[in-house]
Amino acid sequence: SYEALCRQIGKFFRTGEPPVSEAETIEIFTFMEAADESLRQGGKPVALADVLAKAKAEAQTLLK
């Protein structure tokens, strides 16, 4: 519910502890990017591992 979401957001700002793990957050973003990439390719299947590897490579480039 919206109320539960607001409580979690408030808790995050008070404690600094995210309501989901870093790993789960990365999985969610990987899934969303894979869905977008599939759409760009006309609905073709896209491997999550490939999307994650590409994102890691791009992140390393940005960190240099």
PDB file of N, CA and C in Angstrom:
ATOM      1  N   SER A   1       0.830  -1.177   0.000  1.00  0.00           N
ATOM      2  CA  SER A   1       0.000   0.000   0.000  1.00  0.00           C
ATOM      3  C   SER A   1       0.881   1.249   0.000  1.00  0.00           C
ATOM      4  N   TYR A   2       0.268   2.357  -0.310  1.00  0.00           N
ATOM      5  CA  TYR A   2       0.994   3.630  -0.330  1.00  0.00           C
ATOM      6  C   TYR A   2       1.497   3.982   1.068  1.00  0.00           C
ATOM      7  N   GLU A   3       0.684   3.685   2.064  1.00  0.00           N
ATOM      8  CA  GLU A   3       1.083   3.984   3.446  1.00  0.00           C
ATOM      9  C   GLU A   3       2.329   3.192   3.836  1.00  0.00           C
ATOM     10  N   ALA A   4       2.356   1.917   3.478  1.00  0.00           N
ATOM     11  CA  ALA A   4       3.521   1.083   3.791  1.00  0.00           C
ATOM     12  C   ALA A   4       4.766   1.594   3.071  1.00  0.00           C
ATOM     13  N   LEU A   5       4.590   2.019   1.832  1.00  0.00           N
ATOM     14  CA  LEU A   5       5.708   2.586   1.076  1.00  0.00           C
ATOM     15  C   LEU A   5       6.248   3.825   1.781  1.00  0.00           C
ATOM     16  N   CYS A   6       5.359   4.704   2.198  1.00  0.00           N
ATOM     17  CA  CYS A   6       5.775   5.932   2.895  1.00  0.00           C
ATOM     18  C   CYS A   6       6.513   5.607   4.192  1.00  0.00           C
ATOM     19  N   ARG A   7       6.054   4.583   4.893  1.00  0.00           N
ATOM     20  CA  ARG A   7       6.732   4.185   6.133  1.00  0.00           C
ATOM     21  C   ARG A   7       8.150   3.703   5.843  1.00  0.00           C
ATOM     22  N   GLN A   8       8.291   2.898   4.789  1.00  0.00           N
ATOM     23  CA  GLN A   8       9.621   2.397   4.425  1.00  0.00           C
ATOM     24  C   GLN A   8      10.543   3.536   4.000  1.00  0.00           C
ATOM     25  N   ILE A   9      10.016   4.484   3.267  1.00  0.00           N
ATOM     26  CA  ILE A   9      10.814   5.643   2.843  1.00  0.00           C
ATOM     27  C   ILE A   9      11.250   6.443   4.066  1.00  0.00           C
ATOM     28  N   GLY A  10      10.324   6.682   4.980  1.00  0.00           N
ATOM     29  CA  GLY A  10      10.653   7.406   6.206  1.00  0.00           C
ATOM     30  C   GLY A  10      11.707   6.676   7.028  1.00  0.00           C
ATOM     31  N   LYS A  11      11.562   5.372   7.140  1.00  0.00           N
ATOM     32  CA  LYS A  11      12.534   4.565   7.883  1.00  0.00           C
ATOM     33  C   LYS A  11      13.914   4.668   7.233  1.00  0.00           C
ATOM     34  N   PHE A  12      13.944   4.631   5.913  1.00  0.00           N
ATOM     35  CA  PHE A  12      15.215   4.754   5.198  1.00  0.00           C
ATOM     36  C   PHE A  12      15.894   6.083   5.527  1.00  0.00           C
ATOM     37  N   PHE A  13      15.149   7.165   5.498  1.00  0.00           N
ATOM     38  CA  PHE A  13      15.738   8.475   5.775  1.00  0.00           C
ATOM     39  C   PHE A  13      16.170   8.616   7.238  1.00  0.00           C
ATOM     40  N   ARG A  14      15.466   7.941   8.134  1.00  0.00           N
ATOM     41  CA  ARG A  14      15.853   8.009   9.552  1.00  0.00           C
ATOM     42  C   ARG A  14      17.086   7.165   9.850  1.00  0.00           C
ATOM     43  N   THR A  15      17.140   5.966   9.279  1.00  0.00           N
ATOM     44  CA  THR A  15      18.194   5.010   9.637  1.00  0.00           C
ATOM     45  C   THR A  15      19.324   4.925   8.622  1.00  0.00           C
ATOM     46  N   GLY A  16      19.042   5.299   7.374  1.00  0.00           N
ATOM     47  CA  GLY A  16      20.043   5.142   6.320  1.00  0.00           C
ATOM     48  C   GLY A  16      20.121   3.722   5.788  1.00  0.00           C
ATOM     49  N   GLU A  17      19.269   2.835   6.287  1.00  0.00           N
ATOM     50  CA  GLU A  17      19.256   1.442   5.850  1.00  0.00           C
ATOM     51  C   GLU A  17      18.192   1.250   4.773  1.00  0.00           C
ATOM     52  N   PRO A  18      18.602   0.805   3.576  1.00  0.00           N
ATOM     53  CA  PRO A  18      17.619   0.606   2.508  1.00  0.00           C
ATOM     54  C   PRO A  18      16.694  -0.571   2.823  1.00  0.00           C
ATOM     55  N   PRO A  19      15.440  -0.521   2.347  1.00  0.00           N
ATOM     56  CA  PRO A  19      14.485  -1.587   2.633  1.00  0.00           C
ATOM     57  C   PRO A  19      14.740  -2.869   1.843  1.00  0.00           C
ATOM     58  N   VAL A  20      15.570  -2.786   0.810  1.00  0.00           N
ATOM     59  CA  VAL A  20      15.944  -3.979   0.042  1.00  0.00           C
ATOM     60  C   VAL A  20      17.463  -4.018  -0.067  1.00  0.00           C
ATOM     61  N   SER A  21      17.982  -5.205  -0.281  1.00  0.00           N
ATOM     62  CA  SER A  21      19.430  -5.368  -0.352  1.00  0.00           C
ATOM     63  C   SER A  21      19.987  -4.794  -1.655  1.00  0.00           C
ATOM     64  N   GLU A  22      21.291  -4.550  -1.639  1.00  0.00           N
ATOM     65  CA  GLU A  22      21.971  -4.073  -2.843  1.00  0.00           C
ATOM     66  C   GLU A  22      21.809  -5.088  -3.976  1.00  0.00           C
ATOM     67  N   ALA A  23      21.931  -6.365  -3.646  1.00  0.00           N
ATOM     68  CA  ALA A  23      21.807  -7.415  -4.659  1.00  0.00           C
ATOM     69  C   ALA A  23      20.420  -7.409  -5.300  1.00  0.00           C
ATOM     70  N   GLU A  24      19.383  -7.252  -4.489  1.00  0.00           N
ATOM     71  CA  GLU A  24      18.016  -7.228  -5.021  1.00  0.00           C
ATOM     72  C   GLU A  24      17.797  -5.998  -5.896  1.00  0.00           C
ATOM     73  N   THR A  25      18.354  -4.876  -5.491  1.00  0.00           N
ATOM     74  CA  THR A  25      18.244  -3.655  -6.290  1.00  0.00           C
ATOM     75  C   THR A  25      18.894  -3.848  -7.653  1.00  0.00           C
ATOM     76  N   ILE A  26      20.071  -4.457  -7.674  1.00  0.00           N
ATOM     77  CA  ILE A  26      20.765  -4.711  -8.939  1.00  0.00           C
ATOM     78  C   ILE A  26      19.954  -5.662  -9.809  1.00  0.00           C
ATOM     79  N   GLU A  27      19.361  -6.690  -9.209  1.00  0.00           N
ATOM     80  CA  GLU A  27      18.520  -7.625  -9.971  1.00  0.00           C
ATOM     81  C   GLU A  27      17.338  -6.906 -10.609  1.00  0.00           C
ATOM     82  N   ILE A  28      16.704  -6.029  -9.865  1.00  0.00           N
ATOM     83  CA  ILE A  28      15.541  -5.294 -10.381  1.00  0.00           C
ATOM     84  C   ILE A  28      15.942  -4.420 -11.563  1.00  0.00           C
ATOM     85  N   PHE A  29      17.041  -3.666 -11.406  1.00  0.00           N
ATOM     86  CA  PHE A  29      17.489  -2.798 -12.495  1.00  0.00           C
ATOM     87  C   PHE A  29      17.946  -3.606 -13.704  1.00  0.00           C
ATOM     88  N   THR A  30      18.573  -4.766 -13.471  1.00  0.00           N
ATOM     89  CA  THR A  30      18.980  -5.634 -14.577  1.00  0.00           C
ATOM     90  C   THR A  30      17.758  -6.108 -15.349  1.00  0.00           C
ATOM     91  N   PHE A  31      16.731  -6.527 -14.631  1.00  0.00           N
ATOM     92  CA  PHE A  31      15.501  -6.988 -15.274  1.00  0.00           C
ATOM     93  C   PHE A  31      14.859  -5.873 -16.097  1.00  0.00           C
ATOM     94  N   MET A  32      14.789  -4.671 -15.516  1.00  0.00           N
ATOM     95  CA  MET A  32      14.164  -3.551 -16.240  1.00  0.00           C
ATOM     96  C   MET A  32      14.966  -3.184 -17.488  1.00  0.00           C
ATOM     97  N   GLU A  33      16.289  -3.183 -17.391  1.00  0.00           N
ATOM     98  CA  GLU A  33      17.116  -2.865 -18.554  1.00  0.00           C
ATOM     99  C   GLU A  33      16.992  -3.954 -19.614  1.00  0.00           C
ATOM    100  N   ALA A  34      16.905  -5.218 -19.199  1.00  0.00           N
ATOM    101  CA  ALA A  34      16.721  -6.312 -20.155  1.00  0.00           C
ATOM    102  C   ALA A  34      15.380  -6.171 -20.879  1.00  0.00           C
ATOM    103  N   ALA A  35      14.350  -5.780 -20.158  1.00  0.00           N
ATOM    104  CA  ALA A  35      13.044  -5.566 -20.788  1.00  0.00           C
ATOM    105  C   ALA A  35      13.119  -4.439 -21.807  1.00  0.00           C
ATOM    106  N   ASP A  36      13.796  -3.351 -21.456  1.00  0.00           N
ATOM    107  CA  ASP A  36      13.957  -2.231 -22.396  1.00  0.00           C
ATOM    108  C   ASP A  36      14.763  -2.652 -23.621  1.00  0.00           C
ATOM    109  N   GLU A  37      15.829  -3.422 -23.397  1.00  0.00           N
ATOM    110  CA  GLU A  37      16.664  -3.878 -24.516  1.00  0.00           C
ATOM    111  C   GLU A  37      15.870  -4.809 -25.428  1.00  0.00           C
ATOM    112  N   SER A  38      15.075  -5.692 -24.853  1.00  0.00           N
ATOM    113  CA  SER A  38      14.221  -6.570 -25.642  1.00  0.00           C
ATOM    114  C   SER A  38      13.262  -5.752 -26.499  1.00  0.00           C
ATOM    115  N   LEU A  39      12.683  -4.721 -25.921  1.00  0.00           N
ATOM    116  CA  LEU A  39      11.775  -3.837 -26.657  1.00  0.00           C
ATOM    117  C   LEU A  39      12.505  -3.165 -27.818  1.00  0.00           C
ATOM    118  N   ARG A  40      13.734  -2.685 -27.555  1.00  0.00           N
ATOM    119  CA  ARG A  40      14.519  -2.042 -28.616  1.00  0.00           C
ATOM    120  C   ARG A  40      14.831  -3.005 -29.753  1.00  0.00           C
ATOM    121  N   GLN A  41      14.907  -4.300 -29.420  1.00  0.00           N
ATOM    122  CA  GLN A  41      15.221  -5.317 -30.422  1.00  0.00           C
ATOM    123  C   GLN A  41      13.968  -5.992 -30.979  1.00  0.00           C
ATOM    124  N   GLY A  42      12.838  -5.359 -30.816  1.00  0.00           N
ATOM    125  CA  GLY A  42      11.600  -5.889 -31.376  1.00  0.00           C
ATOM    126  C   GLY A  42      11.029  -7.077 -30.636  1.00  0.00           C
ATOM    127  N   GLY A  43      11.343  -7.211 -29.366  1.00  0.00           N
ATOM    128  CA  GLY A  43      10.782  -8.291 -28.557  1.00  0.00           C
ATOM    129  C   GLY A  43      11.640  -9.536 -28.473  1.00  0.00           C
ATOM    130  N   LYS A  44      12.857  -9.468 -28.986  1.00  0.00           N
ATOM    131  CA  LYS A  44      13.750 -10.630 -28.920  1.00  0.00           C
ATOM    132  C   LYS A  44      14.130 -10.918 -27.466  1.00  0.00           C
ATOM    133  N   PRO A  45      14.368 -12.202 -27.166  1.00  0.00           N
ATOM    134  CA  PRO A  45      14.827 -12.540 -25.813  1.00  0.00           C
ATOM    135  C   PRO A  45      16.197 -11.917 -25.531  1.00  0.00           C
ATOM    136  N   VAL A  46      16.395 -11.487 -24.316  1.00  0.00           N
ATOM    137  CA  VAL A  46      17.653 -10.877 -23.892  1.00  0.00           C
ATOM    138  C   VAL A  46      18.096 -11.574 -22.606  1.00  0.00           C
ATOM    139  N   ALA A  47      19.336 -12.030 -22.575  1.00  0.00           N
ATOM    140  CA  ALA A  47      19.861 -12.720 -21.392  1.00  0.00           C
ATOM    141  C   ALA A  47      20.198 -11.710 -20.297  1.00  0.00           C
ATOM    142  N   LEU A  48      19.695 -11.973 -19.102  1.00  0.00           N
ATOM    143  CA  LEU A  48      19.987 -11.087 -17.977  1.00  0.00           C
ATOM    144  C   LEU A  48      21.489 -11.012 -17.710  1.00  0.00           C
ATOM    145  N   ALA A  49      22.181 -12.134 -17.864  1.00  0.00           N
ATOM    146  CA  ALA A  49      23.629 -12.153 -17.627  1.00  0.00           C
ATOM    147  C   ALA A  49      24.347 -11.204 -18.576  1.00  0.00           C
ATOM    148  N   ASP A  50      23.886 -11.138 -19.823  1.00  0.00           N
ATOM    149  CA  ASP A  50      24.507 -10.234 -20.798  1.00  0.00           C
ATOM    150  C   ASP A  50      24.275  -8.773 -20.418  1.00  0.00           C
ATOM    151  N   VAL A  51      23.075  -8.472 -19.987  1.00  0.00           N
ATOM    152  CA  VAL A  51      22.743  -7.101 -19.588  1.00  0.00           C
ATOM    153  C   VAL A  51      23.571  -6.696 -18.371  1.00  0.00           C
ATOM    154  N   LEU A  52      23.692  -7.592 -17.408  1.00  0.00           N
ATOM    155  CA  LEU A  52      24.462  -7.299 -16.202  1.00  0.00           C
ATOM    156  C   LEU A  52      25.943  -7.108 -16.532  1.00  0.00           C
ATOM    157  N   ALA A  53      26.487  -7.955 -17.401  1.00  0.00           N
ATOM    158  CA  ALA A  53      27.895  -7.830 -17.789  1.00  0.00           C
ATOM    159  C   ALA A  53      28.149  -6.496 -18.483  1.00  0.00           C
ATOM    160  N   LYS A  54      27.238  -6.094 -19.362  1.00  0.00           N
ATOM    161  CA  LYS A  54      27.382  -4.811 -20.058  1.00  0.00           C
ATOM    162  C   LYS A  54      27.347  -3.656 -19.066  1.00  0.00           C
ATOM    163  N   ALA A  55      26.429  -3.714 -18.116  1.00  0.00           N
ATOM    164  CA  ALA A  55      26.309  -2.647 -17.117  1.00  0.00           C
ATOM    165  C   ALA A  55      27.565  -2.563 -16.251  1.00  0.00           C
ATOM    166  N   LYS A  56      28.117  -3.713 -15.874  1.00  0.00           N
ATOM    167  CA  LYS A  56      29.340  -3.713 -15.068  1.00  0.00           C
ATOM    168  C   LYS A  56      30.498  -3.097 -15.844  1.00  0.00           C
ATOM    169  N   ALA A  57      30.603  -3.436 -17.133  1.00  0.00           N
ATOM    170  CA  ALA A  57      31.671  -2.875 -17.965  1.00  0.00           C
ATOM    171  C   ALA A  57      31.516  -1.362 -18.093  1.00  0.00           C
ATOM    172  N   GLU A  58      30.286  -0.897 -18.300  1.00  0.00           N
ATOM    173  CA  GLU A  58      30.036   0.544 -18.402  1.00  0.00           C
ATOM    174  C   GLU A  58      30.349   1.247 -17.085  1.00  0.00           C
ATOM    175  N   ALA A  59      30.024   0.608 -15.976  1.00  0.00           N
ATOM    176  CA  ALA A  59      30.301   1.197 -14.665  1.00  0.00           C
ATOM    177  C   ALA A  59      31.805   1.330 -14.443  1.00  0.00           C
ATOM    178  N   GLN A  60      32.550   0.317 -14.834  1.00  0.00           N
ATOM    179  CA  GLN A  60      34.008   0.381 -14.680  1.00  0.00           C
ATOM    180  C   GLN A  60      34.598   1.522 -15.495  1.00  0.00           C
ATOM    181  N   THR A  61      34.057   1.735 -16.687  1.00  0.00           N
ATOM    182  CA  THR A  61      34.521   2.839 -17.531  1.00  0.00           C
ATOM    183  C   THR A  61      34.250   4.178 -16.851  1.00  0.00           C
ATOM    184  N   LEU A  62      33.087   4.318 -16.255  1.00  0.00           N
ATOM    185  CA  LEU A  62      32.725   5.567 -15.580  1.00  0.00           C
ATOM    186  C   LEU A  62      33.570   5.817 -14.329  1.00  0.00           C
ATOM    187  N   LEU A  63      34.003   4.742 -13.691  1.00  0.00           N
ATOM    188  CA  LEU A  63      34.764   4.878 -12.451  1.00  0.00           C
ATOM    189  C   LEU A  63      36.232   5.212 -12.685  1.00  0.00           C
ATOM    190  N   LYS A  64      36.684   5.097 -13.912  1.00  0.00           N
ATOM    191  CA  LYS A  64      38.096   5.387 -14.220  1.00  0.00           C
ATOM    192  C   LYS A  64      38.344   6.860 -14.291  1.00  0.00           C
TER     193      LYS A  64
END
